[in-house]
C-alpha cells in the first residue's frame, strides 16, 4: 500500500530516530544541560532573571524590561503566533485559500497534511523522551503540558511555512524572495523566540526544525509535486 510504504513507515522511523536522539541528549545533559547557559546569559543581557528556585516567574522588573526591549516586543508576538490554536487556524485558512486559488484538492490539503504529519511525529517522540522544560530561566508564558523535546511550535512553523513556499513554487512559477522567508526566515525567528522566552532548550528547536522540514518535504513529494 502506498500510504503505508510512503508515509506511515517513514513516519514511524522518524519518531524512533527523534526519540532515540532525545533520550541520548537527555541522558548526556541531564535536566539542566550546559546549552542553557547561553540562554540564561542572553536573557540576563536584556534584564531578565529567573527566581532562585527555578520556577518561571514574571517579576515586575521583567514586565518593565519587556516593555522597553525591542527583542521582547518582537519575540512575544512570534511566540504567540506559533501557538496551537493559531497554527490550527492558519492551517485551515491556508487550506481554504489554496483551494480557491488552485481548485486542486491535493494542493489544498497540503498545509493541513504537513501539520498533521508533524504533530503525529512530535507528540509521539516527545512522549517517549519526556524531557523537562529549561530550568532556572526567565519564562513569561506558561509552557504547554507536552515534553520539551522536540519543539512542537518550531516543527509546526517549519512544516506549515515550508509547505506554503512549496505551493508558491508549484502554482505561481516560483516564490522568489518570499520563498526563503517563508521556508526559513519566519520559522527560524519563531524558533529563536521559543529559546529566548525560556520555553525550550536549544537542541529542542534544532530537532523541531529538522522535523518540520522533513514533514514539509514529505508532503511536497506526496501531494504538491505530482
N, C-alpha and C. Protein backbone atom coordinates (compact mmCIF):
# COMPACT_ATOMS: atom_id res chain seq x y z
N UNK A 1 0.84 -1.20 0.00
CA UNK A 1 0.00 0.00 0.00
C UNK A 1 0.88 1.25 0.00
N UNK A 2 0.64 2.19 -0.92
CA UNK A 2 1.48 3.40 -0.99
C UNK A 2 1.47 4.21 0.31
N UNK A 3 0.30 4.32 0.96
CA UNK A 3 0.24 5.09 2.20
C UNK A 3 1.13 4.50 3.27
N UNK A 4 1.08 3.18 3.40
CA UNK A 4 1.91 2.51 4.40
C UNK A 4 3.39 2.67 4.07
N UNK A 5 3.72 2.45 2.80
CA UNK A 5 5.13 2.48 2.38
C UNK A 5 5.71 3.89 2.37
N UNK A 6 4.92 4.86 1.90
CA UNK A 6 5.46 6.21 1.64
C UNK A 6 5.26 7.19 2.79
N UNK A 7 4.33 6.91 3.70
CA UNK A 7 4.03 7.87 4.76
C UNK A 7 4.16 7.25 6.16
N UNK A 8 3.43 6.16 6.40
CA UNK A 8 3.36 5.61 7.76
C UNK A 8 4.70 5.05 8.20
N UNK A 9 5.31 4.20 7.39
CA UNK A 9 6.60 3.61 7.78
C UNK A 9 7.70 4.66 7.92
N UNK A 10 7.83 5.62 6.98
CA UNK A 10 8.82 6.69 7.21
C UNK A 10 8.52 7.49 8.47
N UNK A 11 7.23 7.73 8.75
CA UNK A 11 6.88 8.46 9.96
C UNK A 11 7.29 7.72 11.21
N UNK A 12 7.07 6.43 11.24
CA UNK A 12 7.49 5.63 12.40
C UNK A 12 9.00 5.65 12.56
N UNK A 13 9.71 5.61 11.44
CA UNK A 13 11.17 5.66 11.51
C UNK A 13 11.64 7.01 12.07
N UNK A 14 10.98 8.08 11.66
CA UNK A 14 11.33 9.41 12.16
C UNK A 14 11.05 9.52 13.66
N UNK A 15 9.91 9.00 14.08
CA UNK A 15 9.58 9.01 15.51
C UNK A 15 10.65 8.27 16.31
N UNK A 16 11.04 7.09 15.82
CA UNK A 16 12.06 6.31 16.52
C UNK A 16 13.39 7.04 16.56
N UNK A 17 13.75 7.72 15.46
CA UNK A 17 15.02 8.43 15.40
C UNK A 17 15.04 9.60 16.37
N UNK A 18 13.95 10.38 16.39
CA UNK A 18 13.91 11.53 17.30
C UNK A 18 13.82 11.08 18.76
N UNK A 19 13.09 10.01 19.02
CA UNK A 19 13.00 9.51 20.39
C UNK A 19 14.37 9.04 20.87
N UNK A 20 15.10 8.34 20.01
CA UNK A 20 16.43 7.87 20.39
C UNK A 20 17.37 9.04 20.62
N UNK A 21 17.34 10.02 19.70
CA UNK A 21 18.22 11.18 19.85
C UNK A 21 17.88 11.97 21.11
N UNK A 22 16.59 12.14 21.37
CA UNK A 22 16.19 12.88 22.56
C UNK A 22 16.61 12.19 23.85
N UNK A 23 16.49 10.87 23.89
CA UNK A 23 16.89 10.14 25.09
C UNK A 23 18.40 10.24 25.32
N UNK A 24 19.17 10.20 24.23
CA UNK A 24 20.63 10.33 24.36
C UNK A 24 20.99 11.73 24.86
N UNK A 25 20.37 12.75 24.28
CA UNK A 25 20.64 14.13 24.69
C UNK A 25 20.25 14.34 26.15
N UNK A 26 19.13 13.80 26.53
CA UNK A 26 18.69 13.95 27.92
C UNK A 26 19.62 13.24 28.88
N UNK A 27 20.08 12.06 28.50
CA UNK A 27 20.97 11.30 29.38
C UNK A 27 22.32 12.01 29.53
N UNK A 28 22.82 12.57 28.44
CA UNK A 28 24.12 13.24 28.48
C UNK A 28 24.04 14.56 29.25
N UNK A 29 23.01 15.35 28.96
CA UNK A 29 22.93 16.69 29.54
C UNK A 29 22.16 16.78 30.84
N UNK A 30 21.36 15.77 31.15
CA UNK A 30 20.54 15.85 32.35
C UNK A 30 19.41 16.85 32.19
N UNK A 31 18.79 17.22 33.31
CA UNK A 31 17.67 18.15 33.27
C UNK A 31 18.10 19.60 33.19
N UNK A 32 19.39 19.86 33.36
CA UNK A 32 19.90 21.22 33.25
C UNK A 32 21.18 21.21 32.40
N UNK A 33 21.03 21.04 31.10
CA UNK A 33 22.20 20.89 30.22
C UNK A 33 23.00 22.18 30.10
N UNK A 34 24.23 22.03 29.67
CA UNK A 34 25.13 23.19 29.54
C UNK A 34 24.64 24.16 28.48
N UNK A 35 23.86 23.68 27.51
CA UNK A 35 23.38 24.57 26.45
C UNK A 35 22.49 25.68 26.99
N UNK A 36 21.91 25.48 28.17
CA UNK A 36 21.04 26.51 28.74
C UNK A 36 21.81 27.72 29.26
N UNK A 37 23.10 27.56 29.45
CA UNK A 37 23.89 28.69 29.95
C UNK A 37 23.83 29.86 28.97
N UNK A 38 23.90 29.56 27.70
CA UNK A 38 23.83 30.63 26.70
C UNK A 38 22.48 31.33 26.72
N UNK A 39 21.44 30.56 26.98
CA UNK A 39 20.10 31.15 27.04
C UNK A 39 19.98 32.08 28.24
N UNK A 40 20.46 31.63 29.40
CA UNK A 40 20.40 32.47 30.59
C UNK A 40 21.23 33.73 30.41
N UNK A 41 22.39 33.59 29.78
CA UNK A 41 23.25 34.76 29.54
C UNK A 41 22.55 35.77 28.64
N UNK A 42 21.86 35.27 27.61
CA UNK A 42 21.13 36.16 26.71
C UNK A 42 19.99 36.86 27.44
N UNK A 43 19.24 36.11 28.23
CA UNK A 43 18.14 36.70 28.97
C UNK A 43 18.64 37.76 29.96
N UNK A 44 19.73 37.45 30.64
CA UNK A 44 20.28 38.40 31.61
C UNK A 44 20.79 39.65 30.91
N UNK A 45 21.27 39.49 29.69
CA UNK A 45 21.73 40.65 28.92
C UNK A 45 20.62 41.67 28.73
N UNK A 46 19.38 41.18 28.65
CA UNK A 46 18.24 42.07 28.47
C UNK A 46 17.42 42.25 29.74
N UNK A 47 18.02 41.96 30.88
CA UNK A 47 17.42 42.30 32.16
C UNK A 47 16.45 41.31 32.74
N UNK A 48 16.47 40.07 32.26
CA UNK A 48 15.54 39.06 32.76
C UNK A 48 16.29 38.05 33.63
N UNK A 49 15.73 37.78 34.79
CA UNK A 49 16.38 36.86 35.73
C UNK A 49 15.35 35.90 36.28
N UNK A 50 15.69 34.62 36.39
CA UNK A 50 14.77 33.64 36.98
C UNK A 50 14.77 33.77 38.50
N UNK A 51 13.76 33.17 39.12
CA UNK A 51 13.78 33.12 40.57
C UNK A 51 14.79 32.07 41.01
N UNK A 52 15.14 32.07 42.29
CA UNK A 52 16.20 31.20 42.80
C UNK A 52 15.82 29.73 42.66
N UNK A 53 14.55 29.41 42.85
CA UNK A 53 14.13 28.01 42.83
C UNK A 53 14.02 27.45 41.43
N UNK A 54 14.03 28.31 40.43
CA UNK A 54 13.98 27.81 39.07
C UNK A 54 12.62 27.88 38.42
N UNK A 55 11.59 28.29 39.15
CA UNK A 55 10.27 28.41 38.55
C UNK A 55 10.23 29.64 37.66
N UNK A 56 9.38 29.60 36.65
CA UNK A 56 9.31 30.71 35.70
C UNK A 56 8.35 31.76 36.23
N UNK A 57 8.89 32.85 36.77
CA UNK A 57 8.07 33.92 37.32
C UNK A 57 8.23 35.17 36.46
N UNK A 58 7.17 35.91 36.30
CA UNK A 58 7.22 37.18 35.59
C UNK A 58 7.24 38.28 36.63
N UNK A 59 8.44 38.70 37.03
CA UNK A 59 8.59 39.71 38.04
C UNK A 59 8.28 41.09 37.47
N UNK A 60 8.07 42.06 38.36
CA UNK A 60 7.75 43.41 37.90
C UNK A 60 8.88 43.98 37.06
N UNK A 61 10.13 43.67 37.42
CA UNK A 61 11.25 44.16 36.64
C UNK A 61 11.25 43.57 35.24
N UNK A 62 10.79 42.31 35.12
CA UNK A 62 10.72 41.68 33.81
C UNK A 62 9.65 42.33 32.95
N UNK A 63 8.53 42.68 33.55
CA UNK A 63 7.47 43.35 32.81
C UNK A 63 7.97 44.70 32.29
N UNK A 64 8.70 45.41 33.14
CA UNK A 64 9.26 46.69 32.71
C UNK A 64 10.24 46.51 31.56
N UNK A 65 11.10 45.50 31.67
CA UNK A 65 12.06 45.23 30.62
C UNK A 65 11.36 44.83 29.33
N UNK A 66 10.28 44.04 29.46
CA UNK A 66 9.56 43.60 28.27
C UNK A 66 8.97 44.77 27.51
N UNK A 67 8.58 45.81 28.24
CA UNK A 67 8.02 46.99 27.59
C UNK A 67 9.10 47.86 26.98
N UNK A 68 10.36 47.65 27.41
CA UNK A 68 11.44 48.52 26.97
C UNK A 68 12.26 47.91 25.85
N UNK A 69 12.53 46.62 25.91
CA UNK A 69 13.46 46.00 24.99
C UNK A 69 12.79 45.61 23.68
N UNK A 70 13.33 46.01 22.54
CA UNK A 70 12.75 45.61 21.25
C UNK A 70 12.68 44.10 21.07
N UNK A 71 13.68 43.38 21.60
CA UNK A 71 13.69 41.93 21.42
C UNK A 71 12.48 41.29 22.09
N UNK A 72 12.03 41.87 23.20
CA UNK A 72 10.84 41.34 23.87
C UNK A 72 9.58 41.65 23.08
N UNK A 73 9.54 42.85 22.50
CA UNK A 73 8.36 43.25 21.73
C UNK A 73 8.24 42.45 20.44
N UNK A 74 9.37 41.95 19.93
CA UNK A 74 9.33 41.16 18.70
C UNK A 74 9.05 39.69 18.99
N UNK A 75 9.70 39.14 20.02
CA UNK A 75 9.55 37.71 20.28
C UNK A 75 8.19 37.35 20.88
N UNK A 76 7.55 38.28 21.57
CA UNK A 76 6.25 37.98 22.16
C UNK A 76 5.20 37.62 21.10
N UNK A 77 5.00 38.46 20.08
CA UNK A 77 4.02 38.08 19.05
C UNK A 77 4.44 36.86 18.23
N UNK A 78 5.74 36.67 18.03
CA UNK A 78 6.19 35.48 17.31
C UNK A 78 5.84 34.22 18.08
N UNK A 79 6.08 34.24 19.38
CA UNK A 79 5.75 33.08 20.20
C UNK A 79 4.24 32.85 20.22
N UNK A 80 3.47 33.93 20.30
CA UNK A 80 2.01 33.81 20.27
C UNK A 80 1.54 33.27 18.93
N UNK A 81 2.09 33.77 17.85
CA UNK A 81 1.69 33.35 16.50
C UNK A 81 1.89 31.86 16.29
N UNK A 82 2.90 31.29 16.94
CA UNK A 82 3.19 29.87 16.76
C UNK A 82 2.39 28.97 17.70
N UNK A 83 1.48 29.56 18.49
CA UNK A 83 0.69 28.78 19.42
C UNK A 83 -0.21 27.77 18.73
N UNK A 84 -0.70 26.81 19.49
CA UNK A 84 -1.51 25.72 18.92
C UNK A 84 -2.78 26.22 18.25
N UNK A 85 -3.62 27.03 18.92
CA UNK A 85 -4.85 27.47 18.23
C UNK A 85 -4.56 28.29 16.98
N UNK A 86 -3.55 29.16 17.07
CA UNK A 86 -3.20 29.99 15.92
C UNK A 86 -2.70 29.14 14.75
N UNK A 87 -1.89 28.13 15.05
CA UNK A 87 -1.36 27.28 13.99
C UNK A 87 -2.47 26.47 13.33
N UNK A 88 -3.38 25.94 14.13
CA UNK A 88 -4.52 25.21 13.56
C UNK A 88 -5.35 26.13 12.66
N UNK A 89 -5.59 27.34 13.16
CA UNK A 89 -6.34 28.31 12.36
C UNK A 89 -5.62 28.67 11.07
N UNK A 90 -4.31 28.89 11.16
CA UNK A 90 -3.53 29.20 9.96
C UNK A 90 -3.60 28.06 8.95
N UNK A 91 -3.45 26.83 9.43
CA UNK A 91 -3.52 25.69 8.53
C UNK A 91 -4.86 25.60 7.81
N UNK A 92 -5.95 25.80 8.57
CA UNK A 92 -7.28 25.74 7.97
C UNK A 92 -7.48 26.86 6.95
N UNK A 93 -7.03 28.05 7.31
CA UNK A 93 -7.18 29.19 6.39
C UNK A 93 -6.42 28.96 5.10
N UNK A 94 -5.18 28.48 5.21
CA UNK A 94 -4.38 28.29 4.01
C UNK A 94 -4.86 27.12 3.17
N UNK A 95 -5.47 26.12 3.80
CA UNK A 95 -6.12 25.07 3.00
C UNK A 95 -7.24 25.67 2.15
N UNK A 96 -8.05 26.54 2.77
CA UNK A 96 -9.13 27.17 2.03
C UNK A 96 -8.63 28.10 0.94
N UNK A 97 -7.62 28.89 1.25
CA UNK A 97 -7.07 29.82 0.26
C UNK A 97 -6.47 29.05 -0.91
N UNK A 98 -5.74 27.98 -0.62
CA UNK A 98 -5.12 27.19 -1.68
C UNK A 98 -6.19 26.57 -2.59
N UNK A 99 -7.28 26.11 -2.01
CA UNK A 99 -8.36 25.55 -2.82
C UNK A 99 -8.98 26.61 -3.73
N UNK A 100 -9.22 27.79 -3.20
CA UNK A 100 -9.81 28.85 -4.00
C UNK A 100 -8.89 29.26 -5.15
N UNK A 101 -7.58 29.23 -4.92
CA UNK A 101 -6.64 29.70 -5.93
C UNK A 101 -6.29 28.62 -6.95
N UNK A 102 -6.31 27.35 -6.55
CA UNK A 102 -5.83 26.29 -7.44
C UNK A 102 -6.91 25.32 -7.88
N UNK A 103 -7.97 25.17 -7.08
CA UNK A 103 -9.00 24.17 -7.34
C UNK A 103 -8.39 22.78 -7.48
N UNK A 104 -7.33 22.56 -6.76
CA UNK A 104 -6.63 21.27 -6.80
C UNK A 104 -6.65 20.68 -5.39
N UNK A 105 -7.36 19.57 -5.23
CA UNK A 105 -7.59 19.02 -3.90
C UNK A 105 -6.30 18.63 -3.21
N UNK A 106 -5.36 18.04 -3.93
CA UNK A 106 -4.12 17.59 -3.32
C UNK A 106 -3.32 18.76 -2.78
N UNK A 107 -3.31 19.86 -3.51
CA UNK A 107 -2.62 21.06 -3.02
C UNK A 107 -3.36 21.69 -1.85
N UNK A 108 -4.69 21.65 -1.92
CA UNK A 108 -5.49 22.31 -0.88
C UNK A 108 -5.31 21.67 0.48
N UNK A 109 -5.11 20.36 0.50
CA UNK A 109 -4.96 19.69 1.80
C UNK A 109 -3.52 19.67 2.27
N UNK A 110 -2.59 20.16 1.44
CA UNK A 110 -1.16 20.07 1.79
C UNK A 110 -0.81 20.79 3.10
N UNK A 111 -1.27 22.04 3.34
CA UNK A 111 -0.92 22.68 4.62
C UNK A 111 -1.40 21.89 5.83
N UNK A 112 -2.64 21.39 5.76
CA UNK A 112 -3.15 20.60 6.87
C UNK A 112 -2.43 19.28 7.02
N UNK A 113 -2.07 18.66 5.88
CA UNK A 113 -1.35 17.39 5.93
C UNK A 113 0.03 17.56 6.56
N UNK A 114 0.72 18.65 6.22
CA UNK A 114 2.04 18.89 6.81
C UNK A 114 1.95 19.02 8.32
N UNK A 115 0.94 19.76 8.78
CA UNK A 115 0.76 19.92 10.23
C UNK A 115 0.36 18.60 10.89
N UNK A 116 -0.45 17.80 10.21
CA UNK A 116 -0.87 16.52 10.78
C UNK A 116 0.32 15.57 10.93
N UNK A 117 1.15 15.49 9.89
CA UNK A 117 2.33 14.63 9.95
C UNK A 117 3.28 15.09 11.05
N UNK A 118 3.54 16.40 11.07
CA UNK A 118 4.44 16.95 12.10
C UNK A 118 3.91 16.69 13.49
N UNK A 119 2.61 16.91 13.69
CA UNK A 119 2.03 16.76 15.02
C UNK A 119 2.10 15.31 15.49
N UNK A 120 1.79 14.37 14.61
CA UNK A 120 1.85 12.96 15.00
C UNK A 120 3.26 12.56 15.43
N UNK A 121 4.25 12.99 14.66
CA UNK A 121 5.64 12.65 15.00
C UNK A 121 6.10 13.37 16.26
N UNK A 122 5.71 14.65 16.39
CA UNK A 122 6.12 15.43 17.56
C UNK A 122 5.54 14.86 18.85
N UNK A 123 4.22 14.64 18.86
CA UNK A 123 3.57 14.16 20.08
C UNK A 123 4.13 12.80 20.50
N UNK A 124 4.33 11.92 19.53
CA UNK A 124 4.83 10.58 19.85
C UNK A 124 6.26 10.63 20.39
N UNK A 125 7.14 11.33 19.70
CA UNK A 125 8.54 11.37 20.14
C UNK A 125 8.69 12.12 21.45
N UNK A 126 7.92 13.21 21.63
CA UNK A 126 8.00 13.95 22.89
C UNK A 126 7.56 13.09 24.07
N UNK A 127 6.50 12.31 23.86
CA UNK A 127 6.03 11.43 24.94
C UNK A 127 7.06 10.37 25.29
N UNK A 128 7.78 9.88 24.29
CA UNK A 128 8.79 8.86 24.54
C UNK A 128 10.02 9.43 25.24
N UNK A 129 10.38 10.68 24.91
CA UNK A 129 11.57 11.29 25.51
C UNK A 129 11.29 11.83 26.90
N UNK A 130 10.19 12.57 27.05
CA UNK A 130 9.81 13.10 28.36
C UNK A 130 10.76 14.13 28.93
N UNK A 131 11.37 14.94 28.09
CA UNK A 131 12.35 15.92 28.56
C UNK A 131 11.66 17.09 29.25
N UNK A 132 12.24 17.55 30.36
CA UNK A 132 11.69 18.69 31.08
C UNK A 132 12.02 19.99 30.36
N UNK A 133 11.19 21.01 30.61
CA UNK A 133 11.47 22.34 30.09
C UNK A 133 12.72 22.91 30.77
N UNK A 134 13.34 23.94 30.18
CA UNK A 134 14.53 24.51 30.80
C UNK A 134 14.28 24.97 32.24
N UNK A 135 15.28 24.79 33.07
CA UNK A 135 15.20 25.19 34.48
C UNK A 135 15.99 26.50 34.69
N UNK A 136 15.59 27.24 35.73
CA UNK A 136 16.28 28.48 36.11
C UNK A 136 16.44 29.43 34.92
N UNK A 137 15.33 29.64 34.21
CA UNK A 137 15.31 30.62 33.13
C UNK A 137 14.11 31.53 33.31
N UNK A 138 14.17 32.69 32.66
CA UNK A 138 13.01 33.58 32.60
C UNK A 138 12.02 33.03 31.59
N UNK A 139 10.77 32.86 32.01
CA UNK A 139 9.75 32.30 31.12
C UNK A 139 8.44 33.04 31.36
N UNK A 140 8.14 34.04 30.53
CA UNK A 140 6.96 34.88 30.77
C UNK A 140 5.63 34.21 30.46
N UNK A 141 5.64 33.13 29.66
CA UNK A 141 4.40 32.42 29.36
C UNK A 141 4.42 31.04 29.97
N UNK A 142 3.25 30.56 30.36
CA UNK A 142 3.14 29.21 30.90
C UNK A 142 3.36 28.20 29.78
N UNK A 143 4.26 27.24 29.96
CA UNK A 143 4.52 26.27 28.88
C UNK A 143 3.37 25.27 28.75
N UNK A 144 3.30 24.65 27.58
CA UNK A 144 2.32 23.60 27.35
C UNK A 144 2.68 22.36 28.16
N UNK A 145 1.73 21.46 28.30
CA UNK A 145 1.94 20.28 29.11
C UNK A 145 2.79 19.21 28.45
N UNK A 146 3.07 19.35 27.15
CA UNK A 146 3.89 18.36 26.47
C UNK A 146 5.35 18.49 26.89
N UNK A 147 6.11 17.43 26.64
CA UNK A 147 7.53 17.45 26.96
C UNK A 147 8.26 18.42 26.04
N UNK A 148 9.52 18.71 26.37
CA UNK A 148 10.24 19.79 25.72
C UNK A 148 10.88 19.40 24.38
N UNK A 149 11.22 18.11 24.21
CA UNK A 149 11.95 17.68 23.00
C UNK A 149 11.07 16.79 22.14
N UNK A 150 10.94 17.10 20.85
CA UNK A 150 11.38 18.30 20.14
C UNK A 150 10.38 19.44 20.32
N UNK A 151 10.74 20.63 19.83
CA UNK A 151 9.84 21.78 19.94
C UNK A 151 8.72 21.67 18.93
N UNK A 152 7.49 21.51 19.42
CA UNK A 152 6.35 21.39 18.52
C UNK A 152 6.03 22.67 17.79
N UNK A 153 6.17 23.82 18.48
CA UNK A 153 5.92 25.10 17.82
C UNK A 153 6.88 25.32 16.65
N UNK A 154 8.15 25.01 16.89
CA UNK A 154 9.15 25.16 15.83
C UNK A 154 8.87 24.20 14.68
N UNK A 155 8.57 22.96 15.00
CA UNK A 155 8.29 21.97 13.96
C UNK A 155 7.09 22.39 13.12
N UNK A 156 6.04 22.87 13.77
CA UNK A 156 4.85 23.29 13.04
C UNK A 156 5.15 24.48 12.14
N UNK A 157 5.97 25.40 12.62
CA UNK A 157 6.30 26.58 11.82
C UNK A 157 7.07 26.18 10.56
N UNK A 158 8.05 25.30 10.69
CA UNK A 158 8.81 24.87 9.53
C UNK A 158 7.94 24.03 8.58
N UNK A 159 7.06 23.20 9.13
CA UNK A 159 6.20 22.36 8.29
C UNK A 159 5.21 23.21 7.50
N UNK A 160 4.51 24.11 8.17
CA UNK A 160 3.47 24.91 7.51
C UNK A 160 4.06 25.91 6.52
N UNK A 161 5.02 26.70 6.96
CA UNK A 161 5.56 27.74 6.09
C UNK A 161 6.39 27.15 4.95
N UNK A 162 7.06 26.02 5.21
CA UNK A 162 7.77 25.36 4.13
C UNK A 162 6.82 24.85 3.06
N UNK A 163 5.68 24.32 3.49
CA UNK A 163 4.67 23.85 2.53
C UNK A 163 4.08 25.01 1.74
N UNK A 164 3.85 26.14 2.39
CA UNK A 164 3.35 27.31 1.67
C UNK A 164 4.34 27.77 0.60
N UNK A 165 5.63 27.74 0.92
CA UNK A 165 6.65 28.10 -0.07
C UNK A 165 6.64 27.11 -1.23
N UNK A 166 6.47 25.82 -0.92
CA UNK A 166 6.42 24.81 -1.98
C UNK A 166 5.20 25.02 -2.87
N UNK A 167 4.08 25.41 -2.29
CA UNK A 167 2.87 25.66 -3.07
C UNK A 167 3.06 26.85 -4.00
N UNK A 168 3.73 27.88 -3.51
CA UNK A 168 4.02 29.02 -4.37
C UNK A 168 4.91 28.61 -5.54
N UNK A 169 5.91 27.81 -5.25
CA UNK A 169 6.79 27.32 -6.32
C UNK A 169 6.00 26.52 -7.35
N UNK A 170 5.07 25.71 -6.87
CA UNK A 170 4.32 24.80 -7.76
C UNK A 170 3.30 25.54 -8.61
N UNK A 171 2.60 26.48 -8.03
CA UNK A 171 1.45 27.07 -8.72
C UNK A 171 1.67 28.50 -9.19
N UNK A 172 2.74 29.13 -8.75
CA UNK A 172 2.98 30.51 -9.17
C UNK A 172 4.32 30.67 -9.88
N UNK A 173 4.89 29.55 -10.31
CA UNK A 173 6.13 29.61 -11.07
C UNK A 173 7.33 30.07 -10.28
N UNK A 174 7.32 29.86 -8.97
CA UNK A 174 8.44 30.27 -8.13
C UNK A 174 8.01 31.31 -7.11
N UNK A 175 8.54 31.18 -5.91
CA UNK A 175 8.17 32.09 -4.82
C UNK A 175 9.07 33.30 -4.73
N UNK A 176 10.18 33.34 -5.53
CA UNK A 176 11.08 34.48 -5.47
C UNK A 176 11.71 34.63 -4.10
N UNK A 177 11.88 35.87 -3.69
CA UNK A 177 12.48 36.12 -2.38
C UNK A 177 11.55 35.72 -1.24
N UNK A 178 10.25 35.62 -1.52
CA UNK A 178 9.31 35.22 -0.48
C UNK A 178 9.53 33.77 -0.07
N UNK A 179 10.03 32.94 -0.99
CA UNK A 179 10.23 31.54 -0.68
C UNK A 179 11.16 31.31 0.50
N UNK A 180 12.40 31.83 0.48
CA UNK A 180 13.29 31.65 1.62
C UNK A 180 12.75 32.26 2.91
N UNK A 181 12.03 33.37 2.80
CA UNK A 181 11.46 33.98 4.00
C UNK A 181 10.45 33.04 4.63
N UNK A 182 9.58 32.46 3.80
CA UNK A 182 8.58 31.52 4.32
C UNK A 182 9.23 30.23 4.81
N UNK A 183 10.14 29.71 4.02
CA UNK A 183 10.70 28.39 4.30
C UNK A 183 11.64 28.40 5.50
N UNK A 184 12.41 29.49 5.65
CA UNK A 184 13.43 29.51 6.71
C UNK A 184 13.35 30.74 7.61
N UNK A 185 13.03 31.91 7.04
CA UNK A 185 13.09 33.14 7.83
C UNK A 185 12.09 33.18 8.97
N UNK A 186 10.81 33.05 8.66
CA UNK A 186 9.77 33.10 9.70
C UNK A 186 9.92 31.95 10.70
N UNK A 187 10.08 30.70 10.24
CA UNK A 187 10.25 29.61 11.21
C UNK A 187 11.48 29.78 12.11
N UNK A 188 12.58 30.30 11.56
CA UNK A 188 13.78 30.49 12.38
C UNK A 188 13.55 31.57 13.44
N UNK A 189 12.82 32.62 13.07
CA UNK A 189 12.50 33.67 14.05
C UNK A 189 11.63 33.10 15.17
N UNK A 190 10.69 32.24 14.81
CA UNK A 190 9.85 31.60 15.83
C UNK A 190 10.70 30.70 16.72
N UNK A 191 11.61 29.94 16.11
CA UNK A 191 12.49 29.07 16.90
C UNK A 191 13.30 29.88 17.91
N UNK A 192 13.85 31.01 17.46
CA UNK A 192 14.61 31.87 18.37
C UNK A 192 13.74 32.38 19.51
N UNK A 193 12.50 32.76 19.19
CA UNK A 193 11.61 33.28 20.23
C UNK A 193 11.32 32.23 21.29
N UNK A 194 11.21 30.97 20.88
CA UNK A 194 10.93 29.90 21.84
C UNK A 194 12.12 29.67 22.78
N UNK A 195 13.33 29.85 22.25
CA UNK A 195 14.52 29.73 23.10
C UNK A 195 14.63 30.93 24.02
N UNK A 196 14.54 32.11 23.44
CA UNK A 196 14.75 33.34 24.21
C UNK A 196 13.74 33.47 25.34
N UNK A 197 12.52 33.05 25.12
CA UNK A 197 11.48 33.20 26.13
C UNK A 197 11.39 32.00 27.07
N UNK A 198 12.45 31.17 27.07
CA UNK A 198 12.59 30.11 28.08
C UNK A 198 11.71 28.90 27.91
N UNK A 199 11.14 28.73 26.73
CA UNK A 199 10.23 27.61 26.52
C UNK A 199 10.96 26.32 26.16
N UNK A 200 12.15 26.45 25.55
CA UNK A 200 12.83 25.27 25.04
C UNK A 200 14.34 25.39 25.19
N UNK A 201 14.98 24.22 25.30
CA UNK A 201 16.42 24.13 25.15
C UNK A 201 16.78 24.36 23.68
N UNK A 202 18.01 24.73 23.42
CA UNK A 202 18.45 24.96 22.04
C UNK A 202 18.29 23.70 21.20
N UNK A 203 18.67 22.56 21.75
CA UNK A 203 18.56 21.31 20.99
C UNK A 203 17.12 20.95 20.68
N UNK A 204 16.17 21.41 21.48
CA UNK A 204 14.75 21.17 21.20
C UNK A 204 14.33 21.81 19.89
N UNK A 205 14.73 23.06 19.68
CA UNK A 205 14.29 23.76 18.48
C UNK A 205 15.06 23.28 17.24
N UNK A 206 16.31 22.85 17.43
CA UNK A 206 17.04 22.26 16.31
C UNK A 206 16.32 21.00 15.84
N UNK A 207 15.93 20.16 16.78
CA UNK A 207 15.18 18.95 16.43
C UNK A 207 13.83 19.31 15.82
N UNK A 208 13.16 20.32 16.36
CA UNK A 208 11.88 20.75 15.81
C UNK A 208 12.01 21.25 14.39
N UNK A 209 13.08 21.98 14.11
CA UNK A 209 13.31 22.48 12.75
C UNK A 209 13.51 21.32 11.78
N UNK A 210 14.28 20.32 12.19
CA UNK A 210 14.51 19.16 11.32
C UNK A 210 13.22 18.39 11.09
N UNK A 211 12.43 18.22 12.14
CA UNK A 211 11.16 17.51 11.99
C UNK A 211 10.20 18.26 11.08
N UNK A 212 10.09 19.58 11.28
CA UNK A 212 9.20 20.36 10.45
C UNK A 212 9.61 20.37 9.00
N UNK A 213 10.92 20.48 8.76
CA UNK A 213 11.41 20.49 7.37
C UNK A 213 11.16 19.14 6.71
N UNK A 214 11.38 18.05 7.45
CA UNK A 214 11.10 16.72 6.90
C UNK A 214 9.62 16.58 6.57
N UNK A 215 8.75 17.07 7.43
CA UNK A 215 7.30 16.98 7.18
C UNK A 215 6.93 17.72 5.91
N UNK A 216 7.50 18.91 5.72
CA UNK A 216 7.22 19.69 4.51
C UNK A 216 7.72 18.98 3.26
N UNK A 217 8.90 18.38 3.34
CA UNK A 217 9.46 17.65 2.19
C UNK A 217 8.59 16.45 1.85
N UNK A 218 8.14 15.73 2.87
CA UNK A 218 7.28 14.57 2.63
C UNK A 218 5.99 14.98 1.94
N UNK A 219 5.35 16.03 2.43
CA UNK A 219 4.09 16.49 1.84
C UNK A 219 4.32 17.03 0.42
N UNK A 220 5.44 17.69 0.22
CA UNK A 220 5.76 18.16 -1.12
C UNK A 220 5.89 16.99 -2.09
N UNK A 221 6.55 15.94 -1.66
CA UNK A 221 6.75 14.79 -2.52
C UNK A 221 5.44 14.06 -2.82
N UNK A 222 4.58 13.93 -1.82
CA UNK A 222 3.37 13.12 -1.97
C UNK A 222 2.19 13.91 -2.53
N UNK A 223 2.10 15.21 -2.25
CA UNK A 223 0.91 15.97 -2.62
C UNK A 223 1.17 17.13 -3.58
N UNK A 224 2.23 17.89 -3.34
CA UNK A 224 2.43 19.12 -4.09
C UNK A 224 3.08 18.85 -5.44
N UNK A 225 4.15 18.06 -5.46
CA UNK A 225 4.93 17.88 -6.68
C UNK A 225 4.22 17.11 -7.78
N UNK A 226 3.46 16.02 -7.46
CA UNK A 226 2.87 15.22 -8.56
C UNK A 226 1.97 16.08 -9.47
